[in-house]
Amino acid sequence: QLLLEIQKKLKELEVLPVVVDRNPTVYGTNISQEYCMKIACMLVPQFLQPSEVLFLEGEVPRELIFLDQGAISFSRGIMQDGRKVEQLIRYVRADRKEDPTLLGGVA
């Protein structure tokens, strides 16, 4: 009975696809449903505005961030021809299955 409730809750929260399946280097491929449920209970949705900064280069993130919808870019400011410009480092889209959804580990 408890296992069925856990499976239902995981499906409702869509934790497996967003957190586990897209980040096998972090969680492996054989994560227990109980552990996944613990992760699910700790998730807090955040809605971000375009160009909102999550963390700065070299900063140690204080939380794990998982991308569920939309896209995010990682860039750094560099000097080019005497002016500061943004250099794109990486672009991650939630709908692209090959992209990991864990963002906090990138800094």
N, C-alpha and C. Protein backbone atom coordinates (compact mmCIF):
# COMPACT_ATOMS: atom_id res chain seq x y z
N GLN A 1 0.82 -1.20 0.00
CA GLN A 1 0.00 0.00 0.00
C GLN A 1 0.87 1.27 0.00
N LEU A 2 1.87 1.30 0.90
CA LEU A 2 2.76 2.46 0.97
C LEU A 2 3.51 2.64 -0.35
N LEU A 3 3.96 1.54 -0.93
CA LEU A 3 4.70 1.62 -2.20
C LEU A 3 3.82 2.23 -3.30
N LEU A 4 2.56 1.84 -3.36
CA LEU A 4 1.66 2.40 -4.36
C LEU A 4 1.43 3.89 -4.16
N GLU A 5 1.33 4.31 -2.89
CA GLU A 5 1.16 5.73 -2.59
C GLU A 5 2.41 6.52 -3.00
N ILE A 6 3.58 5.95 -2.74
CA ILE A 6 4.83 6.61 -3.12
C ILE A 6 4.91 6.74 -4.64
N GLN A 7 4.59 5.67 -5.35
CA GLN A 7 4.64 5.71 -6.81
C GLN A 7 3.68 6.77 -7.36
N LYS A 8 2.48 6.86 -6.78
CA LYS A 8 1.51 7.86 -7.23
C LYS A 8 2.04 9.27 -6.98
N LYS A 9 2.59 9.50 -5.81
CA LYS A 9 3.11 10.82 -5.47
C LYS A 9 4.26 11.22 -6.39
N LEU A 10 5.15 10.26 -6.66
CA LEU A 10 6.27 10.55 -7.56
C LEU A 10 5.78 10.93 -8.94
N LYS A 11 4.78 10.22 -9.42
CA LYS A 11 4.24 10.54 -10.74
C LYS A 11 3.61 11.93 -10.74
N GLU A 12 2.88 12.26 -9.66
CA GLU A 12 2.24 13.58 -9.57
C GLU A 12 3.28 14.69 -9.59
N LEU A 13 4.36 14.50 -8.87
CA LEU A 13 5.39 15.54 -8.79
C LEU A 13 6.36 15.52 -9.96
N GLU A 14 6.31 14.46 -10.74
CA GLU A 14 7.21 14.29 -11.88
C GLU A 14 8.67 14.40 -11.49
N VAL A 15 8.98 13.82 -10.36
CA VAL A 15 10.36 13.89 -9.87
C VAL A 15 11.29 13.01 -10.68
N LEU A 16 10.87 11.81 -10.99
CA LEU A 16 11.77 10.90 -11.70
C LEU A 16 12.29 11.49 -13.01
N PRO A 17 11.42 12.00 -13.89
CA PRO A 17 11.97 12.53 -15.14
C PRO A 17 12.84 13.76 -14.96
N VAL A 18 12.44 14.67 -14.11
CA VAL A 18 13.15 15.93 -13.98
C VAL A 18 14.43 15.79 -13.17
N VAL A 19 14.36 15.07 -12.07
CA VAL A 19 15.49 14.99 -11.15
C VAL A 19 16.39 13.81 -11.42
N VAL A 20 15.82 12.63 -11.55
CA VAL A 20 16.63 11.42 -11.59
C VAL A 20 17.02 11.00 -13.01
N ASP A 21 16.04 10.80 -13.88
CA ASP A 21 16.33 10.27 -15.21
C ASP A 21 17.27 11.15 -16.03
N ARG A 22 17.18 12.45 -15.87
CA ARG A 22 18.00 13.37 -16.66
C ARG A 22 19.36 13.66 -16.03
N ASN A 23 19.64 13.11 -14.85
CA ASN A 23 20.89 13.37 -14.15
C ASN A 23 21.53 12.08 -13.63
N PRO A 24 21.78 11.10 -14.50
CA PRO A 24 22.31 9.81 -14.03
C PRO A 24 23.71 9.92 -13.42
N THR A 25 24.48 10.92 -13.77
CA THR A 25 25.81 11.05 -13.18
C THR A 25 25.74 11.46 -11.71
N VAL A 26 24.62 12.03 -11.30
CA VAL A 26 24.44 12.44 -9.91
C VAL A 26 23.80 11.33 -9.10
N TYR A 27 22.71 10.76 -9.61
CA TYR A 27 21.91 9.81 -8.84
C TYR A 27 22.10 8.36 -9.26
N GLY A 28 22.81 8.10 -10.34
CA GLY A 28 22.92 6.73 -10.82
C GLY A 28 21.64 6.34 -11.54
N THR A 29 21.53 5.07 -11.84
CA THR A 29 20.36 4.60 -12.59
C THR A 29 19.47 3.69 -11.76
N ASN A 30 19.83 3.44 -10.52
CA ASN A 30 19.07 2.51 -9.70
C ASN A 30 18.69 3.15 -8.36
N ILE A 31 18.08 4.31 -8.39
CA ILE A 31 17.71 5.03 -7.17
C ILE A 31 16.42 4.43 -6.59
N SER A 32 16.36 4.31 -5.29
CA SER A 32 15.17 3.75 -4.65
C SER A 32 14.03 4.77 -4.68
N GLN A 33 12.81 4.27 -4.70
CA GLN A 33 11.66 5.15 -4.72
C GLN A 33 11.53 5.93 -3.42
N GLU A 34 11.95 5.32 -2.32
CA GLU A 34 11.89 6.02 -1.04
C GLU A 34 12.81 7.23 -1.02
N TYR A 35 14.03 7.05 -1.55
CA TYR A 35 14.96 8.16 -1.61
C TYR A 35 14.46 9.25 -2.55
N CYS A 36 13.89 8.83 -3.67
CA CYS A 36 13.34 9.79 -4.62
C CYS A 36 12.20 10.58 -3.98
N MET A 37 11.41 9.92 -3.14
CA MET A 37 10.33 10.61 -2.45
C MET A 37 10.88 11.65 -1.48
N LYS A 38 11.99 11.35 -0.83
CA LYS A 38 12.62 12.33 0.06
C LYS A 38 13.04 13.56 -0.72
N ILE A 39 13.59 13.34 -1.90
CA ILE A 39 13.98 14.46 -2.77
C ILE A 39 12.74 15.26 -3.15
N ALA A 40 11.68 14.55 -3.53
CA ALA A 40 10.45 15.20 -3.96
C ALA A 40 9.89 16.11 -2.88
N CYS A 41 9.95 15.66 -1.64
CA CYS A 41 9.40 16.44 -0.53
C CYS A 41 10.22 17.70 -0.25
N MET A 42 11.47 17.72 -0.67
CA MET A 42 12.31 18.89 -0.43
C MET A 42 12.26 19.91 -1.55
N LEU A 43 11.69 19.55 -2.70
CA LEU A 43 11.65 20.47 -3.83
C LEU A 43 10.70 21.63 -3.57
N VAL A 44 11.14 22.81 -3.94
CA VAL A 44 10.33 24.02 -3.80
C VAL A 44 10.31 24.71 -5.17
N PRO A 45 9.15 24.83 -5.79
CA PRO A 45 9.09 25.48 -7.10
C PRO A 45 9.49 26.95 -7.02
N GLN A 46 10.23 27.40 -8.01
CA GLN A 46 10.59 28.81 -8.14
C GLN A 46 10.31 29.22 -9.58
N PHE A 47 9.77 30.39 -9.73
CA PHE A 47 9.50 30.93 -11.06
C PHE A 47 10.44 32.11 -11.26
N LEU A 48 11.21 32.06 -12.33
CA LEU A 48 12.23 33.08 -12.56
C LEU A 48 11.84 34.00 -13.70
N GLN A 49 12.31 35.22 -13.61
CA GLN A 49 12.10 36.21 -14.66
C GLN A 49 13.24 36.11 -15.68
N PRO A 50 13.00 36.49 -16.93
CA PRO A 50 14.09 36.50 -17.92
C PRO A 50 15.27 37.33 -17.41
N SER A 51 16.45 36.86 -17.64
CA SER A 51 17.72 37.51 -17.24
C SER A 51 17.98 37.51 -15.75
N GLU A 52 17.19 36.79 -14.98
CA GLU A 52 17.43 36.70 -13.53
C GLU A 52 18.69 35.87 -13.28
N VAL A 53 19.53 36.34 -12.38
CA VAL A 53 20.79 35.65 -12.06
C VAL A 53 20.55 34.65 -10.94
N LEU A 54 20.95 33.40 -11.19
CA LEU A 54 20.81 32.35 -10.17
C LEU A 54 22.03 32.29 -9.26
N PHE A 55 23.21 32.32 -9.88
CA PHE A 55 24.46 32.34 -9.15
C PHE A 55 25.54 32.86 -10.07
N LEU A 56 26.62 33.33 -9.47
CA LEU A 56 27.72 33.91 -10.23
C LEU A 56 28.83 32.90 -10.41
N GLU A 57 29.64 33.10 -11.44
CA GLU A 57 30.77 32.22 -11.70
C GLU A 57 31.69 32.17 -10.49
N GLY A 58 32.08 30.97 -10.12
CA GLY A 58 32.97 30.79 -8.99
C GLY A 58 32.26 30.71 -7.66
N GLU A 59 31.00 31.06 -7.63
CA GLU A 59 30.20 31.01 -6.41
C GLU A 59 29.77 29.56 -6.16
N VAL A 60 29.80 29.14 -4.92
CA VAL A 60 29.35 27.80 -4.58
C VAL A 60 27.84 27.87 -4.34
N PRO A 61 27.05 27.20 -5.19
CA PRO A 61 25.60 27.25 -4.99
C PRO A 61 25.21 26.65 -3.64
N ARG A 62 24.25 27.26 -3.00
CA ARG A 62 23.79 26.79 -1.69
C ARG A 62 22.61 25.84 -1.82
N GLU A 63 22.13 25.65 -3.02
CA GLU A 63 21.00 24.75 -3.25
C GLU A 63 21.14 24.12 -4.62
N LEU A 64 20.49 22.98 -4.79
CA LEU A 64 20.43 22.35 -6.10
C LEU A 64 19.24 22.93 -6.84
N ILE A 65 19.43 23.21 -8.10
CA ILE A 65 18.37 23.78 -8.91
C ILE A 65 18.13 22.83 -10.07
N PHE A 66 16.86 22.45 -10.27
CA PHE A 66 16.48 21.57 -11.36
C PHE A 66 15.58 22.34 -12.31
N LEU A 67 15.89 22.28 -13.59
CA LEU A 67 15.11 22.97 -14.61
C LEU A 67 13.97 22.06 -15.05
N ASP A 68 12.75 22.50 -14.82
CA ASP A 68 11.57 21.71 -15.17
C ASP A 68 10.94 22.20 -16.48
N GLN A 69 10.95 23.51 -16.69
CA GLN A 69 10.38 24.10 -17.90
C GLN A 69 11.25 25.25 -18.37
N GLY A 70 11.20 25.50 -19.66
CA GLY A 70 11.91 26.65 -20.20
C GLY A 70 13.36 26.36 -20.55
N ALA A 71 14.17 27.40 -20.51
CA ALA A 71 15.58 27.31 -20.88
C ALA A 71 16.38 28.25 -20.01
N ILE A 72 17.66 27.97 -19.92
CA ILE A 72 18.55 28.82 -19.12
C ILE A 72 19.90 28.86 -19.82
N SER A 73 20.55 30.00 -19.73
CA SER A 73 21.88 30.12 -20.32
C SER A 73 22.90 30.46 -19.24
N PHE A 74 24.10 30.00 -19.46
CA PHE A 74 25.23 30.30 -18.57
C PHE A 74 26.19 31.16 -19.37
N SER A 75 26.53 32.29 -18.82
CA SER A 75 27.43 33.20 -19.54
C SER A 75 28.39 33.84 -18.56
N ARG A 76 29.42 34.44 -19.12
CA ARG A 76 30.38 35.19 -18.30
C ARG A 76 30.72 36.47 -19.03
N GLY A 77 31.04 37.47 -18.26
CA GLY A 77 31.45 38.74 -18.84
C GLY A 77 32.94 38.70 -19.17
N ILE A 78 33.28 39.05 -20.39
CA ILE A 78 34.69 39.10 -20.80
C ILE A 78 34.96 40.45 -21.46
N MET A 79 36.21 40.84 -21.46
CA MET A 79 36.61 42.06 -22.14
C MET A 79 36.97 41.72 -23.58
N GLN A 80 36.36 42.46 -24.50
CA GLN A 80 36.63 42.25 -25.92
C GLN A 80 36.68 43.62 -26.60
N ASP A 81 37.81 43.92 -27.22
CA ASP A 81 38.00 45.21 -27.88
C ASP A 81 37.74 46.38 -26.92
N GLY A 82 38.17 46.22 -25.68
CA GLY A 82 38.06 47.29 -24.70
C GLY A 82 36.68 47.46 -24.07
N ARG A 83 35.76 46.55 -24.36
CA ARG A 83 34.43 46.65 -23.74
C ARG A 83 34.01 45.28 -23.20
N LYS A 84 33.17 45.31 -22.20
CA LYS A 84 32.71 44.08 -21.58
C LYS A 84 31.53 43.51 -22.37
N VAL A 85 31.64 42.23 -22.74
CA VAL A 85 30.56 41.54 -23.46
C VAL A 85 30.27 40.22 -22.77
N GLU A 86 29.08 39.71 -23.00
CA GLU A 86 28.68 38.42 -22.43
C GLU A 86 29.09 37.29 -23.37
N GLN A 87 29.78 36.30 -22.83
CA GLN A 87 30.18 35.13 -23.60
C GLN A 87 29.32 33.95 -23.15
N LEU A 88 28.60 33.33 -24.09
CA LEU A 88 27.75 32.20 -23.78
C LEU A 88 28.63 30.98 -23.49
N ILE A 89 28.41 30.36 -22.35
CA ILE A 89 29.15 29.16 -21.97
C ILE A 89 28.34 27.91 -22.29
N ARG A 90 27.07 27.98 -21.93
CA ARG A 90 26.22 26.80 -22.09
C ARG A 90 24.77 27.24 -22.12
N TYR A 91 23.97 26.51 -22.87
CA TYR A 91 22.54 26.79 -22.97
C TYR A 91 21.82 25.47 -22.71
N VAL A 92 20.89 25.46 -21.75
CA VAL A 92 20.18 24.23 -21.36
C VAL A 92 18.70 24.45 -21.56
N ARG A 93 18.06 23.47 -22.20
CA ARG A 93 16.61 23.54 -22.42
C ARG A 93 15.95 22.34 -21.74
N ALA A 94 14.86 22.59 -21.05
CA ALA A 94 14.15 21.51 -20.35
C ALA A 94 13.56 20.49 -21.31
N ASP A 95 13.20 20.91 -22.51
CA ASP A 95 12.58 19.98 -23.45
C ASP A 95 13.60 19.18 -24.27
N ARG A 96 14.86 19.42 -24.09
CA ARG A 96 15.92 18.68 -24.80
C ARG A 96 16.40 17.56 -23.89
N LYS A 97 16.04 16.34 -24.20
CA LYS A 97 16.27 15.18 -23.32
C LYS A 97 17.74 14.92 -23.02
N GLU A 98 18.64 15.35 -23.89
CA GLU A 98 20.06 15.11 -23.64
C GLU A 98 20.67 16.10 -22.65
N ASP A 99 19.96 17.18 -22.36
CA ASP A 99 20.44 18.17 -21.40
C ASP A 99 20.13 17.74 -19.97
N PRO A 100 21.10 17.81 -19.07
CA PRO A 100 20.79 17.53 -17.67
C PRO A 100 19.92 18.66 -17.10
N THR A 101 19.12 18.33 -16.11
CA THR A 101 18.25 19.34 -15.50
C THR A 101 18.85 19.92 -14.23
N LEU A 102 19.93 19.33 -13.72
CA LEU A 102 20.59 19.83 -12.51
C LEU A 102 21.45 21.01 -12.89
N LEU A 103 21.16 22.17 -12.33
CA LEU A 103 21.88 23.39 -12.68
C LEU A 103 22.85 23.83 -11.60
N GLY A 104 22.60 23.52 -10.37
CA GLY A 104 23.43 24.00 -9.27
C GLY A 104 24.84 23.46 -9.29
N GLY A 105 25.07 22.36 -9.99
CA GLY A 105 26.39 21.77 -10.04
C GLY A 105 27.27 22.31 -11.15
N VAL A 106 26.79 23.32 -11.87
CA VAL A 106 27.52 23.83 -13.02
C VAL A 106 28.53 24.91 -12.65
N ALA A 107 28.26 25.65 -11.59
CA ALA A 107 29.10 26.81 -11.24
C ALA A 107 30.55 26.44 -11.05
